[in-house]
Protein backbone atom coordinates (compact mmCIF):
# COMPACT_ATOMS: atom_id res chain seq x y z
CA UNK A 1 -117.17 52.63 -77.76
CA UNK A 2 -118.26 51.85 -74.20
CA UNK A 3 -116.64 50.90 -70.94
CA UNK A 4 -117.04 47.23 -71.83
CA UNK A 5 -114.55 47.60 -74.72
CA UNK A 6 -111.73 48.64 -72.39
CA UNK A 7 -108.71 46.39 -71.97
CA UNK A 8 -109.96 44.02 -69.23
CA UNK A 9 -106.82 44.75 -67.19
CA UNK A 10 -107.43 48.52 -67.21
CA UNK A 11 -108.90 48.73 -63.71
CA UNK A 12 -106.09 46.60 -62.28
CA UNK A 13 -103.25 48.83 -63.48
CA UNK A 14 -102.24 51.46 -60.90
CA UNK A 15 -99.47 53.29 -62.80
CA UNK A 16 -100.89 55.83 -65.24
CA UNK A 17 -100.01 55.96 -68.94
CA UNK A 18 -99.59 59.22 -70.85
CA UNK A 19 -99.53 59.06 -74.65
CA UNK A 20 -98.27 61.85 -76.91
CA UNK A 21 -100.52 62.66 -79.83
CA UNK A 22 -98.95 62.94 -83.27
CA UNK A 23 -99.39 61.89 -86.90
CA UNK A 24 -99.50 58.19 -85.93
CA UNK A 25 -102.55 58.55 -83.67
CA UNK A 26 -104.27 61.89 -84.35
CA UNK A 27 -107.44 60.51 -85.96
CA UNK A 28 -110.36 60.03 -83.59
CA UNK A 29 -110.60 56.27 -84.14
CA UNK A 30 -106.87 55.98 -83.36
CA UNK A 31 -107.28 57.98 -80.16
CA UNK A 32 -110.18 55.71 -79.22
CA UNK A 33 -108.01 52.64 -79.75
CA UNK A 34 -105.31 54.05 -77.47
CA UNK A 35 -107.87 55.00 -74.83
CA UNK A 36 -109.31 51.49 -74.93
CA UNK A 37 -105.77 50.12 -74.58
CA UNK A 38 -105.37 52.04 -71.32
CA UNK A 39 -104.27 55.65 -71.90
CA UNK A 40 -105.16 57.88 -68.93
CA UNK A 41 -103.85 61.22 -70.24
CA UNK A 42 -103.15 62.43 -73.77
CA UNK A 43 -100.27 64.87 -74.31
CA UNK A 44 -100.42 67.66 -76.86
CA UNK A 45 -96.88 68.69 -77.80
CA UNK A 46 -97.32 72.42 -78.37
CA UNK A 47 -93.84 72.67 -79.94
CA UNK A 48 -95.28 71.02 -83.04
CA UNK A 49 -98.40 71.80 -85.03
CA UNK A 50 -100.79 74.73 -85.10
CA UNK A 51 -103.36 75.71 -82.46
CA UNK A 52 -106.19 74.85 -84.87
CA UNK A 53 -104.86 71.30 -85.09
CA UNK A 54 -104.55 71.00 -81.31
CA UNK A 55 -108.10 72.31 -80.97
CA UNK A 56 -109.39 69.54 -83.24
CA UNK A 57 -107.41 66.95 -81.28
CA UNK A 58 -108.72 68.23 -77.94
CA UNK A 59 -112.31 68.04 -79.19
CA UNK A 60 -111.71 64.49 -80.44
CA UNK A 61 -110.26 63.41 -77.08
CA UNK A 62 -113.28 64.80 -75.25
CA UNK A 63 -115.61 62.83 -77.56
CA UNK A 64 -113.56 59.68 -76.99
CA UNK A 65 -113.80 60.24 -73.24
CA UNK A 66 -117.58 60.52 -73.40
CA UNK A 67 -117.83 57.39 -75.54
CA UNK A 68 -115.54 55.50 -73.15
CA UNK A 69 -117.67 56.54 -70.20
CA UNK A 70 -114.67 57.65 -68.15
CA UNK A 71 -112.55 60.77 -67.61
CA UNK A 72 -109.43 61.17 -69.74
CA UNK A 73 -107.00 64.00 -69.01
CA UNK A 74 -105.26 66.29 -71.50
CA UNK A 75 -101.77 67.74 -71.01
CA UNK A 76 -100.71 70.75 -73.11
CA UNK A 77 -96.91 70.65 -73.07
CA UNK A 78 -95.44 74.09 -73.80
CA UNK A 79 -92.39 74.14 -76.06
CA UNK A 80 -90.41 76.53 -73.87
CA UNK A 81 -87.36 78.59 -74.85
CA UNK A 82 -85.70 75.82 -76.82
CA UNK A 83 -82.54 76.86 -78.65
CA UNK A 84 -82.33 75.26 -82.08
CA UNK A 85 -80.07 75.26 -85.11
CA UNK A 86 -81.24 77.41 -88.00
CA UNK A 87 -81.18 76.42 -91.66
CA UNK A 88 -77.91 74.68 -92.48
CA UNK A 89 -76.41 74.61 -95.94
CA UNK A 90 -77.77 71.52 -97.73
CA UNK A 91 -79.95 70.92 -94.68
CA UNK A 92 -77.26 69.11 -92.71
CA UNK A 93 -73.61 69.20 -91.66
CA UNK A 94 -71.29 66.26 -91.07
CA UNK A 95 -69.32 67.05 -87.91
CA UNK A 96 -66.01 65.20 -88.20
CA UNK A 97 -63.91 64.50 -85.12
CA UNK A 98 -61.57 67.43 -84.31
CA UNK A 99 -62.96 69.52 -87.18
CA UNK A 100 -63.58 73.25 -86.63
CA UNK A 101 -67.05 74.70 -87.12
CA UNK A 102 -68.19 78.29 -86.67
CA UNK A 103 -71.37 79.66 -85.15
CA UNK A 104 -72.26 82.82 -87.06
CA UNK A 105 -75.09 85.30 -86.68
CA UNK A 106 -78.34 84.85 -88.58
CA UNK A 107 -80.68 81.91 -89.10
CA UNK A 108 -79.40 80.69 -92.49
CA UNK A 109 -75.91 79.30 -93.05
CA UNK A 110 -74.05 80.14 -96.26
CA UNK A 111 -71.05 77.79 -95.91
CA UNK A 112 -70.65 74.07 -95.07
CA UNK A 113 -68.64 74.78 -91.89
CA UNK A 114 -71.14 77.32 -90.53
CA UNK A 115 -73.73 76.75 -87.83
CA UNK A 116 -76.55 79.18 -87.10
CA UNK A 117 -79.15 79.41 -84.36
CA UNK A 118 -82.62 80.76 -83.69
CA UNK A 119 -81.21 82.47 -80.56
CA UNK A 120 -79.76 85.83 -81.62
CA UNK A 121 -77.61 86.25 -78.49
CA UNK A 122 -75.96 82.83 -78.61
CA UNK A 123 -72.56 84.12 -79.78
CA UNK A 124 -72.62 86.88 -77.15
CA UNK A 125 -73.20 84.41 -74.31
CA UNK A 126 -70.75 81.68 -75.32
CA UNK A 127 -67.17 81.74 -74.03
CA UNK A 128 -64.07 79.63 -74.57
CA UNK A 129 -64.32 76.29 -72.79
CA UNK A 130 -68.12 76.01 -73.02
CA UNK A 131 -69.62 72.74 -74.24
CA UNK A 132 -72.24 72.74 -77.00
CA UNK A 133 -74.39 69.63 -77.44
CA UNK A 134 -76.36 69.15 -80.65
CA UNK A 135 -79.11 66.76 -81.75
CA UNK A 136 -80.04 65.46 -78.26
CA UNK A 137 -76.39 65.12 -77.30
CA UNK A 138 -75.35 62.88 -80.18
CA UNK A 139 -72.84 65.50 -81.37
CA UNK A 140 -70.60 67.51 -79.02
CA UNK A 141 -68.53 70.65 -79.59
CA UNK A 142 -66.10 72.65 -77.46
CA UNK A 143 -65.92 76.42 -77.85
CA UNK A 144 -62.30 77.44 -78.52
CA UNK A 145 -62.51 81.08 -79.56
CA UNK A 146 -65.16 83.81 -79.48
CA UNK A 147 -65.26 86.96 -81.58
CA UNK A 148 -67.75 89.73 -82.21
CA UNK A 149 -69.72 87.74 -84.77
CA UNK A 150 -68.38 84.18 -84.59
CA UNK A 151 -67.67 81.41 -82.11
CA UNK A 152 -65.18 78.81 -83.29
CA UNK A 153 -65.85 75.29 -81.99
CA UNK A 154 -63.97 71.99 -82.15
CA UNK A 155 -65.88 68.74 -82.65
CA UNK A 156 -65.30 66.42 -79.68
CA UNK A 157 -68.00 63.88 -80.59
CA UNK A 158 -68.69 63.33 -84.27
CA UNK A 159 -71.96 62.88 -86.10
CA UNK A 160 -74.45 64.48 -88.46
CA UNK A 161 -76.63 67.42 -87.46
CA UNK A 162 -79.64 68.69 -89.36
CA UNK A 163 -81.47 71.98 -89.63
CA UNK A 164 -83.72 72.90 -86.67
CA UNK A 165 -82.29 70.27 -84.32
CA UNK A 166 -81.86 71.22 -80.68
CA UNK A 167 -78.89 72.92 -79.05
CA UNK A 168 -78.04 72.26 -75.38
CA UNK A 169 -75.47 74.31 -73.48
CA UNK A 170 -74.59 72.47 -70.25
CA UNK A 171 -73.47 74.91 -67.58
CA UNK A 172 -73.96 77.99 -69.76
CA UNK A 173 -76.17 80.69 -68.24
CA UNK A 174 -78.57 81.77 -70.95
CA UNK A 175 -80.68 84.92 -70.68
CA UNK A 176 -83.82 83.45 -72.21
CA UNK A 177 -87.18 84.08 -70.52
CA UNK A 178 -89.01 81.14 -68.95
CA UNK A 179 -91.88 81.46 -71.42
CA UNK A 180 -91.73 82.68 -74.98
CA UNK A 181 -94.46 84.77 -76.55
CA UNK A 182 -95.69 81.61 -78.26
CA UNK A 183 -95.78 79.80 -74.91
CA UNK A 184 -97.98 82.54 -73.46
CA UNK A 185 -100.35 82.25 -76.43
CA UNK A 186 -100.52 78.48 -75.98
CA UNK A 187 -101.05 78.77 -72.21
CA UNK A 188 -103.95 81.17 -72.72
CA UNK A 189 -105.46 78.83 -75.31
CA UNK A 190 -105.14 75.92 -72.87
CA UNK A 191 -106.82 77.97 -70.13
CA UNK A 192 -109.69 79.05 -72.35
CA UNK A 193 -110.38 75.52 -73.62
CA UNK A 194 -110.38 73.59 -70.35
CA UNK A 195 -107.08 71.75 -70.71
CA UNK A 196 -106.36 69.82 -67.50
CA UNK A 197 -102.56 70.03 -67.23
CA UNK A 198 -100.03 72.50 -68.65
CA UNK A 199 -96.39 71.42 -68.86
CA UNK A 200 -93.67 74.04 -68.42
CA UNK A 201 -90.38 73.30 -70.16
CA UNK A 202 -86.87 74.19 -68.94
CA UNK A 203 -88.00 75.35 -65.49
CA UNK A 204 -85.19 76.99 -63.54
CA UNK A 205 -86.93 78.54 -60.53
CA UNK A 206 -90.22 78.34 -58.58
CA UNK A 207 -91.04 81.90 -59.65
CA UNK A 208 -91.37 80.70 -63.24
CA UNK A 209 -93.92 78.07 -62.18
CA UNK A 210 -95.89 80.65 -60.23
CA UNK A 211 -95.84 83.01 -63.21
CA UNK A 212 -97.44 80.36 -65.44
CA UNK A 213 -100.05 79.65 -62.75
CA UNK A 214 -100.85 83.37 -62.68
CA UNK A 215 -101.42 83.40 -66.45
CA UNK A 216 -103.75 80.40 -66.22
CA UNK A 217 -105.69 81.76 -63.23
CA UNK A 218 -106.07 85.15 -64.92
CA UNK A 219 -107.94 83.35 -67.72
CA UNK A 220 -110.20 81.35 -65.43
CA UNK A 221 -108.29 78.06 -65.50
CA UNK A 222 -107.51 75.72 -62.62
CA UNK A 223 -105.21 73.61 -64.79
CA UNK A 224 -102.41 71.85 -62.92
CA UNK A 225 -98.93 73.11 -63.79
CA UNK A 226 -96.43 70.31 -64.46
CA UNK A 227 -92.84 71.47 -64.00
CA UNK A 228 -90.44 69.70 -66.37
CA UNK A 229 -87.07 69.04 -64.76
CA UNK A 230 -84.47 69.22 -67.52
CA UNK A 231 -81.91 71.83 -66.39
CA UNK A 232 -79.15 71.67 -63.74
CA UNK A 233 -80.60 74.87 -62.27
CA UNK A 234 -83.84 72.98 -61.61
CA UNK A 235 -81.99 70.29 -59.68
CA UNK A 236 -80.30 73.00 -57.61
CA UNK A 237 -83.72 74.34 -56.52
CA UNK A 238 -85.68 71.11 -56.78
CA UNK A 239 -87.62 71.25 -53.51
CA UNK A 240 -88.74 74.83 -54.14
CA UNK A 241 -89.88 73.98 -57.66
CA UNK A 242 -91.71 70.84 -56.53
CA UNK A 243 -93.44 72.80 -53.77
CA UNK A 244 -94.58 75.48 -56.23
CA UNK A 245 -95.82 73.06 -58.90
CA UNK A 246 -98.86 70.77 -59.07
CA UNK A 247 -96.84 67.93 -60.55
CA UNK A 248 -93.42 67.19 -62.03
CA UNK A 249 -92.08 65.54 -65.17
CA UNK A 250 -88.62 63.98 -65.24
CA UNK A 251 -87.83 65.05 -68.82
CA UNK A 252 -84.89 62.77 -69.43
CA UNK A 253 -84.21 63.88 -73.00
CA UNK A 254 -82.80 67.32 -72.28
CA UNK A 255 -81.85 66.53 -68.67
CA UNK A 256 -79.66 63.65 -69.87
CA UNK A 257 -77.81 66.11 -72.12
CA UNK A 258 -77.60 68.99 -69.64
CA UNK A 259 -76.05 66.78 -66.93
CA UNK A 260 -73.65 63.85 -67.18
CA UNK A 261 -75.78 61.01 -68.53
CA UNK A 262 -74.19 58.67 -65.96
CA UNK A 263 -75.88 60.73 -63.23
CA UNK A 264 -79.31 60.51 -64.86
CA UNK A 265 -80.60 57.45 -62.92
CA UNK A 266 -79.58 58.97 -59.58
CA UNK A 267 -81.20 62.30 -60.48
CA UNK A 268 -84.41 60.50 -61.48
CA UNK A 269 -84.62 58.64 -58.17
CA UNK A 270 -83.98 61.85 -56.24
CA UNK A 271 -86.69 63.76 -58.12
CA UNK A 272 -89.23 60.98 -57.56
CA UNK A 273 -88.42 60.82 -53.84
CA UNK A 274 -88.83 64.59 -53.41
CA UNK A 275 -92.14 64.56 -55.31
CA UNK A 276 -93.50 61.78 -53.13
CA UNK A 277 -92.45 63.63 -49.99
CA UNK A 278 -94.32 66.70 -51.24
CA UNK A 279 -97.32 64.63 -52.41
CA UNK A 280 -96.93 65.74 -56.03
CA UNK A 281 -97.64 63.46 -59.01
CA UNK A 282 -94.43 62.63 -60.88
CA UNK A 283 -94.11 61.52 -64.51
CA UNK A 284 -91.13 59.71 -66.03
CA UNK A 285 -90.65 60.61 -69.70
CA UNK A 286 -88.41 60.02 -72.73
CA UNK A 287 -87.28 56.80 -74.40
CA UNK A 288 -89.22 54.52 -72.08
CA UNK A 289 -90.11 52.12 -74.90
CA UNK A 290 -88.22 53.93 -77.65
CA UNK A 291 -87.44 50.84 -79.74
CA UNK A 292 -91.19 50.29 -80.15
CA UNK A 293 -91.29 53.16 -82.61
CA UNK A 294 -90.27 50.50 -85.12
CA UNK A 295 -90.52 47.18 -83.27
CA UNK A 296 -93.49 45.42 -81.72
CA UNK A 297 -91.27 44.28 -78.86
CA UNK A 298 -89.26 46.55 -76.51
CA UNK A 299 -85.71 45.79 -75.43
CA UNK A 300 -85.11 44.08 -72.09
CA UNK A 301 -83.41 47.24 -70.87
CA UNK A 302 -86.51 49.34 -71.67
CA UNK A 303 -88.82 46.95 -69.84
CA UNK A 304 -86.50 47.05 -66.83
CA UNK A 305 -86.39 50.86 -67.01
CA UNK A 306 -90.18 51.11 -66.85
CA UNK A 307 -90.40 48.59 -64.02
CA UNK A 308 -87.76 50.38 -61.96
CA UNK A 309 -89.53 53.72 -62.46
CA UNK A 310 -92.69 52.14 -61.02
CA UNK A 311 -90.79 50.60 -58.10
CA UNK A 312 -89.15 53.96 -57.38
CA UNK A 313 -92.61 55.48 -56.93
CA UNK A 314 -93.54 57.31 -60.13
CA UNK A 315 -97.22 58.02 -60.75
CA UNK A 316 -97.14 57.89 -64.55
CA UNK A 317 -94.97 56.82 -67.45
CA UNK A 318 -95.08 58.80 -70.68
CA UNK A 319 -94.82 57.63 -74.26
CA UNK A 320 -93.49 60.21 -76.73
CA UNK A 321 -92.36 59.14 -80.20
CA UNK A 322 -93.73 55.66 -79.52
CA UNK A 323 -97.30 56.91 -79.98
CA UNK A 324 -96.76 60.23 -81.78
CA UNK A 325 -94.84 58.94 -84.80
CA UNK A 326 -94.25 55.25 -84.08
CA UNK A 327 -95.41 52.33 -86.17
CA UNK A 328 -97.13 50.53 -83.27
CA UNK A 329 -98.73 53.09 -80.93
CA UNK A 330 -101.40 50.76 -79.56
CA UNK A 331 -98.88 47.99 -78.91
CA UNK A 332 -96.71 50.46 -76.99
CA UNK A 333 -99.61 51.42 -74.69
CA UNK A 334 -100.52 47.78 -74.15
CA UNK A 335 -96.89 46.94 -73.33
CA UNK A 336 -96.67 49.79 -70.82
CA UNK A 337 -99.70 48.39 -69.01
CA UNK A 338 -98.37 44.82 -69.16
CA UNK A 339 -95.14 45.91 -67.47
CA UNK A 340 -97.09 47.75 -64.78
CA UNK A 341 -99.28 44.70 -64.11
CA UNK A 342 -96.19 42.50 -63.72
CA UNK A 343 -94.34 45.00 -61.50
CA UNK A 344 -96.95 46.47 -59.17
CA UNK A 345 -97.51 43.30 -57.07
CA UNK A 346 -94.00 43.86 -55.65
CA UNK A 347 -95.27 47.08 -54.07
CA UNK A 348 -97.86 45.10 -52.08
CA UNK A 349 -95.13 43.43 -50.04
CA UNK A 350 -93.73 46.75 -48.86
CA UNK A 351 -94.77 48.18 -45.47
CA UNK A 352 -97.12 51.20 -45.53
CA UNK A 353 -95.37 54.49 -46.16
CA UNK A 354 -95.19 56.83 -43.15
CA UNK A 355 -96.98 60.15 -43.15
CA UNK A 356 -94.86 62.78 -44.86
CA UNK A 357 -93.64 65.80 -42.93
CA UNK A 358 -95.05 67.96 -45.74
CA UNK A 359 -98.78 68.72 -45.71
CA UNK A 360 -101.02 68.54 -48.80
CA UNK A 361 -102.67 71.80 -49.79
CA UNK A 362 -106.46 71.80 -49.18
CA UNK A 363 -106.25 68.66 -47.01
CA UNK A 364 -107.90 69.04 -43.59
CA UNK A 365 -106.09 67.49 -40.60
CA UNK A 366 -109.12 65.32 -39.83
CA UNK A 367 -109.06 64.03 -43.40
CA UNK A 368 -105.33 63.36 -43.18
CA UNK A 369 -105.82 61.22 -40.08
CA UNK A 370 -108.78 59.32 -41.57
CA UNK A 371 -106.90 58.69 -44.81
CA UNK A 372 -103.93 57.25 -42.97
CA UNK A 373 -106.19 54.88 -41.04
CA UNK A 374 -108.16 53.77 -44.09
CA UNK A 375 -105.27 51.81 -45.57
CA UNK A 376 -104.96 49.68 -42.42
CA UNK A 377 -108.70 49.01 -42.19
CA UNK A 378 -108.93 48.14 -45.88
CA UNK A 379 -105.93 45.83 -45.64
CA UNK A 380 -107.23 44.10 -42.51
CA UNK A 381 -110.59 43.40 -44.18
CA UNK A 382 -108.97 42.48 -47.50
CA UNK A 383 -111.23 45.15 -49.02
CA UNK A 384 -111.41 45.22 -52.79
CA UNK A 385 -111.94 49.00 -53.10
CA UNK A 386 -111.42 52.23 -51.25
CA UNK A 387 -113.98 54.82 -52.34
CA UNK A 388 -113.43 58.52 -51.70
CA UNK A 389 -115.78 61.42 -52.35
CA UNK A 390 -113.64 64.50 -52.94
CA UNK A 391 -114.27 68.09 -54.05
CA UNK A 392 -110.70 69.15 -54.81
CA UNK A 393 -108.98 65.82 -55.39
CA UNK A 394 -106.67 66.34 -52.38
CA UNK A 395 -108.02 63.33 -50.48
CA UNK A 396 -107.56 61.03 -53.47
CA UNK A 397 -104.00 62.32 -53.89
CA UNK A 398 -103.25 61.65 -50.21
CA UNK A 399 -104.51 58.07 -50.54
CA UNK A 400 -102.57 57.63 -53.76
CA UNK A 401 -99.29 58.70 -52.19
CA UNK A 402 -99.65 56.12 -49.41
CA UNK A 403 -99.32 53.46 -52.14
CA UNK A 404 -101.94 51.18 -50.63
CA UNK A 405 -102.37 47.91 -52.51
CA UNK A 406 -106.16 48.41 -52.40
CA UNK A 407 -107.49 50.15 -55.55
CA UNK A 408 -109.00 53.61 -55.06
CA UNK A 409 -112.15 54.87 -56.76
CA UNK A 410 -112.67 58.64 -56.52
CA UNK A 411 -115.79 60.62 -57.29
CA UNK A 412 -116.02 64.38 -57.54
CA UNK A 413 -118.70 66.92 -58.40
CA UNK A 414 -116.20 68.70 -60.69
CA UNK A 415 -115.39 67.28 -64.13
CA UNK A 416 -112.02 69.01 -64.19
CA UNK A 417 -111.00 67.44 -60.87
CA UNK A 418 -112.09 64.02 -62.16
CA UNK A 419 -109.85 64.42 -65.19
CA UNK A 420 -106.93 65.66 -63.10
CA UNK A 421 -107.17 62.60 -60.87
CA UNK A 422 -106.33 60.54 -63.96
CA UNK A 423 -102.70 61.35 -63.11
CA UNK A 424 -102.84 59.90 -59.57
CA UNK A 425 -101.33 56.45 -59.10
CA UNK A 426 -103.91 53.83 -58.15
CA UNK A 427 -106.91 56.17 -58.49
CA UNK A 428 -109.81 55.46 -60.85
CA UNK A 429 -111.94 58.61 -61.19
CA UNK A 430 -115.64 58.10 -61.88
CA UNK A 431 -118.02 60.75 -63.17
CA UNK A 432 -121.74 60.98 -62.53
CA UNK A 433 -121.78 59.34 -59.09
CA UNK A 434 -124.19 60.74 -56.43
CA UNK A 435 -121.44 61.83 -54.04
CA UNK A 436 -123.67 63.79 -51.63
CA UNK A 437 -125.76 60.74 -50.61
CA UNK A 438 -123.60 57.98 -49.12
CA UNK A 439 -126.20 55.23 -49.55
CA UNK A 440 -126.78 56.10 -53.19
CA UNK A 441 -123.04 56.42 -53.78
CA UNK A 442 -122.42 52.94 -52.38
CA UNK A 443 -125.15 51.48 -54.61
CA UNK A 444 -123.65 53.26 -57.62
CA UNK A 445 -120.13 51.96 -56.87
CA UNK A 446 -121.45 48.47 -56.17
CA UNK A 447 -123.21 48.37 -59.56
CA UNK A 448 -120.14 49.78 -61.34
CA UNK A 449 -117.82 47.32 -59.59
CA UNK A 450 -119.88 44.29 -60.53
CA UNK A 451 -120.28 45.55 -64.10
CA UNK A 452 -116.50 45.97 -64.53
CA UNK A 453 -115.57 42.82 -62.65
CA UNK A 454 -113.82 44.61 -59.80
CA UNK A 455 -116.41 43.64 -57.17
CA UNK A 456 -118.31 40.44 -56.41
CA UNK A 457 -120.88 39.47 -53.76
CA UNK A 458 -119.21 39.18 -50.38
CA UNK A 459 -116.45 41.69 -51.17
CA UNK A 460 -115.87 44.66 -48.90
CA UNK A 461 -115.40 48.27 -49.88
CA UNK A 462 -114.40 51.17 -47.62
CA UNK A 463 -115.98 54.58 -48.19
CA UNK A 464 -114.35 57.81 -47.03
CA UNK A 465 -116.67 60.80 -47.05
CA UNK A 466 -117.72 63.79 -44.97
CA UNK A 467 -120.54 64.72 -42.65
CA UNK A 468 -121.71 68.32 -42.45
CA UNK A 469 -119.61 71.20 -43.76
CA UNK A 470 -116.76 70.51 -46.17
CA UNK A 471 -114.45 72.43 -43.81
CA UNK A 472 -114.84 69.58 -41.29
CA UNK A 473 -112.93 67.31 -43.62
CA UNK A 474 -113.55 63.68 -44.45
CA UNK A 475 -114.81 62.49 -41.08
CA UNK A 476 -116.96 59.51 -42.06
CA UNK A 477 -115.70 56.03 -42.81
CA UNK A 478 -118.12 53.30 -43.87
CA UNK A 479 -117.37 49.61 -44.43
CA UNK A 480 -119.81 47.97 -46.85
CA UNK A 481 -120.22 44.35 -47.91
CA UNK A 482 -121.36 43.81 -51.49
CA UNK A 483 -124.66 41.96 -51.57
CA UNK A 484 -125.86 39.50 -54.18
CA UNK A 485 -127.50 41.13 -57.20
CA UNK A 486 -130.36 38.64 -57.09
């Protein structure tokens, strides 16, 4: 597969698409189909499957990337300290309204009214009045009485729960560590195998993010740490967590159970706004096109949800079950891109965003000033591309966060940085460009642009690069008119 087989709209879509790998798309030809449909980053859900399986998937994604002729990022999403039900009698329990159920110690229930958990200290940490949410919040219990070895609960929202489904405890302070032993093993594997992003589940404090970074750095990895916001404690310390992380995921599944679901849209908008102020990529996840697990068409509400996430300023939208276990993974990716194409023109009518009061790490003040001016020059000339040569990716991120309507092409001399820029809104990373010679770089971009249909004779492109030492920042700006190929 080559660049020519890409969805022809790929280079027009600014919002990035993340697709979760699972049984429905694990084969290499299936991954290639999703990449051609417009996937920018593939997510490995480390809570499921064995490391050997993830290793095979990672190798397949890298081959697909080479065949596509473009960088594709990989996100290893750590499972985190998820509390789950143990083995229930008969595999499931029907929770009838107002019925009493008992949490008992152990991981295997011996009676129909018993619930068990993989967290040994659950009974010790529950108290009367606590809420217990099961199966992604579809079933709710209220703790009425706690004893030495049991916690009696009343069903306040009926339904059926099954073995190994999740337990959420809104407002309950749980003494679980930020990373389990399995998480540490997975993080080290990700570091040793060049994974680009590592997601941290159930983040509660910035120290937890920094601890994961320390593990990755100790094993020679510069992977970006993505903090998943899914606990009330994370909202309480949101700015600190965003500042400590390299990116953020609004993990609406658990967050929508841990807080009042009616507050979920407001929380999402707040998280996105804070991330944009801190210049951090932000991902919206969970149930974005959920109905497409079984249908080829999403609901109107889902389409509106995706569009509003884009208008709010998210960098990427993530597909979970839609691609991992759904019946139409490729259609889901194509739909995500169709919604983005229809929505993003509305962003063009907005005035340029002001410079944030928060500085980007590794971004020189000269570069910051040049970047802010580039958007006005490009707009005035109706330029078709902004091209940036970047070593760390910071300049491309700064341009991305200004939300210019002019597409950005970024080149780097580091493959890892190229793949990490796959998460930046509006940025197309290119590998193999001669970034140290401005004339050669312009010729390379000109040829690429005409080959992909993004440039034509007479079009203008604006190049941002540096003269002299890297420490001087990006202090060169070149305007180039595309010449006829004849």
